Amino acid sequence: MMYASIIFAMIFVFVLSAVGTAIVDIIFRFLGKRGYMGNLFPNVRGGIPRAVGIVPFILLSLYFLPGYNSLVLIIGVFALIDDILGRKKSPFGIEWGQLSRGIGIIMVMLYGFSLGLGVSAIFIALLVQPLNISDMQPGSACIVTLIMCVVTMFLMVLFGSPDVAELPAFYTPLLLFMVCIGYSPLDFSGKIMLGEVGNHSFAIALGVSFYLIGGLWSLIVMFIATTALIAFVRRNNLKVFFRQKLRLLDPTFGDYFMDVLTGGGLGDMFRKLIFNDKQYEVTNPLLISLGFRRLLYNPYAPHPKTYIPSKSKLRLGE
């Protein structure tokens, strides 16, 4: 009886996600083409609604496990502010969006500690970074989320994860899977964007699901696996980014992994604070393979035309 109820609930959530996404897309397009949406309707391919991930955010806030849904609610509110304010500079020297995201991550950590998650709350909150990086090409954040939900459900069944709030543990990743698959068709086609509110909500929901497999260590292992999967999914785009923007012409998979883990505006802000205008070169082959060139790459330091610490040469056609 309980499993039948879960099946009907998942169908209901899927329909809400699919229909809600379509409705929000129509509304955002209507208002955006008339100039009322600001940062939520960027001029990409003639205008694409941003932050349509507000639909998954609302559904996860309502139907996620009691207590844990508040973590999604917290990050989603601050992420929506990030989407709305965008890249506007604050008096603190960073963008308002970055500031809002940072506050949201800290709030998730603090509330997670109050729920008794301990150190796990930190890793759940930090999963926002990889998912945010993954959401830089159509469908990438969704495919990562769907894959990791399936893996999580398999591991929960394999290891016999305990029930939570009188529900089977797999309810959590299954809910996220159904919400994501209902939202994703328009995202895969490049017609809408999750926005920070969407990918941040997915990140926290995934983090909680990883924690429910078996606690802190399962969360850490799945955190690393998710980051590696995102690096693999985005490897071609990252190769172009490294060559054109970072002048790093021979990137390794470790560089891709480190970019997903520490890249973006917040990561570069910390590099500026730590390194100032210095650039530390990495020549050790092991450290290069592990991605330390990207970890230590300071975009605020003066660089030569090309930056290849390993002194390797590109072959014709690469």
Protein backbone atom coordinates (compact mmCIF):
# COMPACT_ATOMS: atom_id res chain seq x y z
CA MET A 1 0.00 0.00 0.00
CA MET A 2 2.79 2.41 0.92
CA TYR A 3 4.68 1.67 -2.30
CA ALA A 4 1.53 2.22 -4.36
CA SER A 5 1.11 5.61 -2.69
CA ILE A 6 4.72 6.49 -3.51
CA ILE A 7 4.19 5.54 -7.16
CA PHE A 8 1.10 7.75 -7.45
CA ALA A 9 2.93 10.58 -5.66
CA MET A 10 5.85 10.34 -8.11
CA ILE A 11 3.52 10.45 -11.11
CA PHE A 12 1.81 13.49 -9.61
CA VAL A 13 5.15 15.25 -9.02
CA PHE A 14 6.32 14.44 -12.56
CA VAL A 15 3.17 15.99 -14.04
CA LEU A 16 3.49 19.07 -11.84
CA SER A 17 7.13 19.48 -12.88
CA ALA A 18 6.45 19.09 -16.60
CA VAL A 19 3.33 21.26 -16.70
CA GLY A 20 4.74 23.86 -14.28
CA THR A 21 7.92 24.17 -16.34
CA ALA A 22 5.94 24.71 -19.54
CA ILE A 23 3.75 27.37 -17.89
CA VAL A 24 6.69 29.26 -16.36
CA ASP A 25 8.48 29.13 -19.72
CA ILE A 26 5.50 30.73 -21.44
CA ILE A 27 5.12 33.41 -18.75
CA PHE A 28 8.84 34.26 -18.65
CA ARG A 29 8.98 34.49 -22.46
CA PHE A 30 5.90 36.71 -22.62
CA LEU A 31 7.24 39.11 -19.99
CA GLY A 32 10.87 38.85 -21.12
CA LYS A 33 10.16 39.87 -24.72
CA ARG A 34 8.49 42.98 -23.33
CA GLY A 35 11.48 43.88 -21.18
CA TYR A 36 10.06 43.04 -17.76
CA MET A 37 12.33 40.16 -16.71
CA GLY A 38 15.77 41.78 -16.53
CA ASN A 39 18.44 39.17 -15.76
CA LEU A 40 15.85 36.41 -15.93
CA PHE A 41 15.62 36.74 -19.73
CA PRO A 42 19.20 37.03 -21.05
CA ASN A 43 19.77 37.77 -24.73
CA VAL A 44 21.00 34.29 -25.62
CA ARG A 45 19.83 32.84 -28.96
CA GLY A 46 17.21 35.55 -29.15
CA GLY A 47 16.22 35.33 -25.49
CA ILE A 48 16.00 32.32 -23.18
CA PRO A 49 14.11 32.27 -19.86
CA ARG A 50 16.48 31.91 -16.92
CA ALA A 51 15.63 30.53 -13.47
CA VAL A 52 12.88 28.24 -14.79
CA GLY A 53 14.41 25.94 -12.18
CA ILE A 54 12.11 27.75 -9.77
CA VAL A 55 9.63 24.94 -10.54
CA PRO A 56 11.90 22.12 -9.29
CA PHE A 57 12.85 24.37 -6.36
CA ILE A 58 9.21 24.77 -5.27
CA LEU A 59 8.42 21.07 -5.70
CA LEU A 60 11.49 19.93 -3.77
CA SER A 61 10.75 22.45 -1.01
CA LEU A 62 7.23 21.03 -0.67
CA TYR A 63 7.73 17.29 -1.14
CA PHE A 64 11.27 16.63 0.08
CA LEU A 65 11.78 14.91 3.43
CA PRO A 66 10.67 17.00 6.45
CA GLY A 67 13.55 19.07 7.82
CA TYR A 68 15.76 18.44 4.80
CA ASN A 69 13.31 20.36 2.63
CA SER A 70 14.24 23.48 4.60
CA LEU A 71 17.81 23.12 3.31
CA VAL A 72 16.45 23.29 -0.25
CA LEU A 73 14.23 26.22 0.69
CA ILE A 74 17.15 28.19 2.16
CA ILE A 75 19.52 27.73 -0.77
CA GLY A 76 16.74 28.28 -3.30
CA VAL A 77 15.76 31.68 -1.89
CA PHE A 78 19.33 32.98 -1.91
CA ALA A 79 19.96 31.43 -5.35
CA LEU A 80 16.90 33.17 -6.77
CA ILE A 81 18.28 36.47 -5.47
CA ASP A 82 21.51 35.56 -7.26
CA ASP A 83 19.57 35.01 -10.50
CA ILE A 84 17.72 38.31 -10.18
CA LEU A 85 20.68 40.51 -9.21
CA GLY A 86 23.22 38.78 -11.42
CA ARG A 87 26.64 40.35 -11.95
CA LYS A 88 25.94 43.74 -10.39
CA LYS A 89 28.81 44.87 -8.17
CA SER A 90 28.21 45.28 -4.45
CA PRO A 91 30.00 47.80 -2.17
CA PHE A 92 31.98 44.82 -0.80
CA GLY A 93 33.99 44.39 -3.99
CA ILE A 94 32.18 41.26 -5.21
CA GLU A 95 29.04 40.72 -7.21
CA TRP A 96 25.70 40.75 -5.43
CA GLY A 97 24.94 37.34 -6.88
CA GLN A 98 28.15 35.86 -5.48
CA LEU A 99 27.44 37.42 -2.10
CA SER A 100 23.91 36.02 -2.00
CA ARG A 101 25.15 32.56 -3.02
CA GLY A 102 27.86 32.63 -0.36
CA ILE A 103 25.39 33.60 2.35
CA GLY A 104 23.04 30.83 1.22
CA ILE A 105 25.79 28.21 1.40
CA ILE A 106 26.74 29.33 4.92
CA MET A 107 23.09 29.29 6.03
CA VAL A 108 22.68 25.73 4.70
CA MET A 109 25.73 24.67 6.69
CA LEU A 110 24.43 26.26 9.89
CA TYR A 111 20.93 24.83 9.53
CA GLY A 112 22.40 21.46 8.61
CA PHE A 113 24.36 21.47 11.87
CA SER A 114 21.12 22.20 13.74
CA LEU A 115 19.58 19.12 12.08
CA GLY A 116 22.40 17.00 13.47
CA LEU A 117 24.22 16.50 10.17
CA GLY A 118 27.56 17.62 11.60
CA VAL A 119 30.42 17.82 9.09
CA SER A 120 28.11 16.38 6.42
CA ALA A 121 26.31 19.74 6.32
CA ILE A 122 29.50 21.31 4.94
CA PHE A 123 29.81 18.82 2.07
CA ILE A 124 26.09 19.07 1.26
CA ALA A 125 26.38 22.86 1.00
CA LEU A 126 29.62 22.74 -1.02
CA LEU A 127 28.01 20.50 -3.64
CA VAL A 128 26.47 23.74 -4.92
CA GLN A 129 29.81 24.59 -6.59
CA PRO A 130 30.10 21.54 -8.91
CA LEU A 131 26.41 21.63 -9.89
CA ASN A 132 26.69 25.34 -10.60
CA ILE A 133 29.64 24.70 -12.93
CA SER A 134 27.79 21.82 -14.60
CA ASP A 135 24.91 24.13 -15.53
CA MET A 136 26.89 25.96 -18.21
CA GLN A 137 25.63 24.07 -21.23
CA PRO A 138 22.12 22.81 -22.08
CA GLY A 139 21.12 19.64 -20.27
CA SER A 140 24.43 19.01 -18.49
CA ALA A 141 23.18 19.66 -14.95
CA CYS A 142 20.09 17.54 -15.63
CA ILE A 143 21.99 14.56 -17.05
CA VAL A 144 24.38 14.61 -14.08
CA THR A 145 21.47 14.80 -11.64
CA LEU A 146 19.56 11.95 -13.32
CA ILE A 147 22.61 9.68 -13.46
CA MET A 148 23.55 10.28 -9.83
CA CYS A 149 19.94 9.72 -8.71
CA VAL A 150 19.93 6.28 -10.38
CA VAL A 151 23.32 5.40 -8.85
CA THR A 152 22.11 6.57 -5.43
CA MET A 153 18.94 4.47 -5.58
CA PHE A 154 20.96 1.42 -6.61
CA LEU A 155 23.38 1.89 -3.70
CA MET A 156 20.53 2.41 -1.24
CA VAL A 157 18.95 -0.88 -2.26
CA LEU A 158 22.33 -2.64 -2.33
CA PHE A 159 23.38 -1.50 1.15
CA GLY A 160 19.93 -1.51 2.71
CA SER A 161 19.76 2.15 3.70
CA PRO A 162 17.33 2.71 6.60
CA ASP A 163 13.92 4.34 6.25
CA VAL A 164 13.67 8.08 6.87
CA ALA A 165 10.53 9.70 8.30
CA GLU A 166 8.70 6.38 7.74
CA LEU A 167 9.60 6.48 4.04
CA PRO A 168 12.06 4.20 2.19
CA ALA A 169 15.43 5.92 1.77
CA PHE A 170 15.16 5.70 -2.04
CA TYR A 171 12.14 8.05 -1.87
CA THR A 172 14.56 10.98 -1.75
CA PRO A 173 16.57 10.38 -4.96
CA LEU A 174 13.45 9.03 -6.67
CA LEU A 175 11.61 12.29 -5.96
CA LEU A 176 14.53 14.31 -7.31
CA PHE A 177 14.69 12.06 -10.38
CA MET A 178 11.00 12.58 -11.19
CA VAL A 179 11.19 16.33 -10.64
CA CYS A 180 14.27 16.57 -12.85
CA ILE A 181 12.96 14.37 -15.65
CA GLY A 182 9.72 16.39 -15.75
CA TYR A 183 11.66 19.63 -16.04
CA SER A 184 14.47 18.50 -18.35
CA PRO A 185 13.09 18.20 -21.95
CA LEU A 186 13.12 21.96 -22.59
CA ASP A 187 16.50 22.27 -20.87
CA PHE A 188 18.06 19.55 -23.05
CA SER A 189 16.81 21.40 -26.14
CA GLY A 190 18.39 24.64 -24.92
CA LYS A 191 15.09 26.52 -24.69
CA ILE A 192 15.24 27.27 -20.95
CA MET A 193 17.83 27.61 -18.19
CA LEU A 194 17.76 26.16 -14.69
CA GLY A 195 19.42 29.23 -13.26
CA GLU A 196 21.09 29.22 -9.86
CA VAL A 197 17.76 28.53 -8.15
CA GLY A 198 17.48 25.26 -10.08
CA ASN A 199 21.01 23.87 -10.01
CA HIS A 200 21.50 24.90 -6.35
CA SER A 201 18.29 23.09 -5.38
CA PHE A 202 19.40 19.98 -7.27
CA ALA A 203 22.78 20.16 -5.50
CA ILE A 204 21.34 20.21 -1.99
CA ALA A 205 18.81 17.49 -2.81
CA LEU A 206 21.60 15.32 -4.23
CA GLY A 207 23.79 15.99 -1.19
CA VAL A 208 21.05 14.88 1.19
CA SER A 209 20.44 11.77 -0.93
CA PHE A 210 24.14 10.90 -0.81
CA TYR A 211 24.14 11.34 2.97
CA LEU A 212 21.18 8.98 3.34
CA ILE A 213 23.08 6.15 1.65
CA GLY A 214 25.34 5.73 4.67
CA GLY A 215 26.34 9.00 6.31
CA LEU A 216 29.44 11.17 5.92
CA TRP A 217 31.67 8.74 4.03
CA SER A 218 29.06 7.88 1.42
CA LEU A 219 28.49 11.61 0.98
CA ILE A 220 32.22 12.26 0.44
CA VAL A 221 32.61 9.40 -2.06
CA MET A 222 29.53 10.48 -4.04
CA PHE A 223 30.63 14.14 -3.88
CA ILE A 224 33.90 13.17 -5.58
CA ALA A 225 32.10 10.92 -8.09
CA THR A 226 29.67 13.71 -9.00
CA THR A 227 32.50 16.19 -9.52
CA ALA A 228 34.34 13.69 -11.73
CA LEU A 229 31.17 13.02 -13.76
CA ILE A 230 30.63 16.75 -14.32
CA ALA A 231 34.25 17.12 -15.43
CA PHE A 232 33.75 14.25 -17.89
CA VAL A 233 30.45 15.64 -19.24
CA ARG A 234 31.94 19.11 -19.73
CA ARG A 235 35.43 18.07 -20.82
CA ASN A 236 35.15 19.34 -24.42
CA ASN A 237 33.83 22.75 -23.36
CA LEU A 238 36.42 22.97 -20.62
CA LYS A 239 39.23 22.21 -23.07
CA VAL A 240 38.17 25.17 -25.20
CA PHE A 241 37.80 27.35 -22.10
CA PHE A 242 41.26 26.42 -20.84
CA ARG A 243 42.91 27.16 -24.17
CA GLN A 244 41.10 30.41 -24.92
CA LYS A 245 40.67 31.94 -21.47
CA LEU A 246 43.34 30.43 -19.23
CA ARG A 247 46.04 30.01 -21.92
CA LEU A 248 46.58 26.48 -20.61
CA LEU A 249 47.00 24.52 -23.81
CA ASP A 250 47.55 20.98 -22.53
CA PRO A 251 44.87 20.42 -19.85
CA THR A 252 44.57 17.08 -18.08
CA PHE A 253 41.45 15.49 -16.64
CA GLY A 254 42.75 16.62 -13.25
CA ASP A 255 42.53 20.21 -14.50
CA TYR A 256 38.93 19.65 -15.55
CA PHE A 257 38.14 18.10 -12.17
CA MET A 258 39.77 20.98 -10.31
CA ASP A 259 37.94 23.56 -12.40
CA VAL A 260 34.59 21.97 -11.53
CA LEU A 261 35.60 21.79 -7.87
CA THR A 262 37.13 25.27 -7.47
CA GLY A 263 36.32 27.29 -10.60
CA GLY A 264 33.83 30.08 -11.12
CA GLY A 265 33.60 33.53 -9.60
CA LEU A 266 33.85 32.52 -5.96
CA GLY A 267 36.88 30.31 -6.56
CA ASP A 268 38.68 33.06 -8.45
CA MET A 269 37.81 35.55 -5.73
CA PHE A 270 39.57 33.36 -3.15
CA ARG A 271 42.55 32.98 -5.48
CA LYS A 272 42.80 36.76 -5.70
CA LEU A 273 42.68 37.09 -1.91
CA ILE A 274 45.27 34.34 -1.35
CA PHE A 275 47.70 34.89 -4.24
CA ASN A 276 47.21 38.63 -4.86
CA ASP A 277 49.00 39.11 -8.23
CA LYS A 278 51.33 36.10 -7.99
CA GLN A 279 51.26 33.03 -10.22
CA TYR A 280 52.81 29.80 -8.93
CA GLU A 281 53.98 27.47 -11.68
CA VAL A 282 53.50 23.71 -11.32
CA THR A 283 56.07 21.47 -12.99
CA ASN A 284 55.76 18.21 -11.05
CA PRO A 285 54.13 15.60 -13.37
CA LEU A 286 52.05 14.07 -10.56
CA LEU A 287 50.70 17.45 -9.43
CA ILE A 288 49.98 18.37 -13.04
CA SER A 289 47.95 15.18 -13.52
CA LEU A 290 46.03 15.94 -10.30
CA GLY A 291 45.01 19.37 -11.57
CA PHE A 292 47.18 21.62 -9.43
CA ARG A 293 47.83 23.94 -12.39
CA ARG A 294 44.13 24.84 -12.42
CA LEU A 295 43.95 24.95 -8.64
CA LEU A 296 46.81 27.46 -8.47
CA TYR A 297 45.93 29.38 -11.63
CA ASN A 298 45.42 33.01 -10.64
CA PRO A 299 43.43 34.93 -13.29
CA TYR A 300 44.43 38.20 -11.64
CA ALA A 301 48.17 37.62 -12.13
CA PRO A 302 50.05 38.80 -15.24
CA HIS A 303 50.47 35.86 -17.61
CA PRO A 304 52.50 35.27 -20.73
CA LYS A 305 50.67 34.68 -23.99
CA THR A 306 50.52 30.97 -23.28
CA TYR A 307 50.81 29.28 -19.91
CA ILE A 308 52.15 25.71 -20.10
CA PRO A 309 54.13 25.01 -16.92
CA SER A 310 54.83 21.45 -18.03
CA LYS A 311 56.58 22.84 -21.13
CA SER A 312 54.87 20.19 -23.22
CA LYS A 313 54.31 20.87 -26.89
CA LEU A 314 51.15 20.47 -28.86
CA ARG A 315 51.21 18.22 -31.88
CA LEU A 316 49.80 19.30 -35.19
CA GLY A 317 46.02 19.02 -35.17
CA GLU A 318 45.58 19.24 -31.39
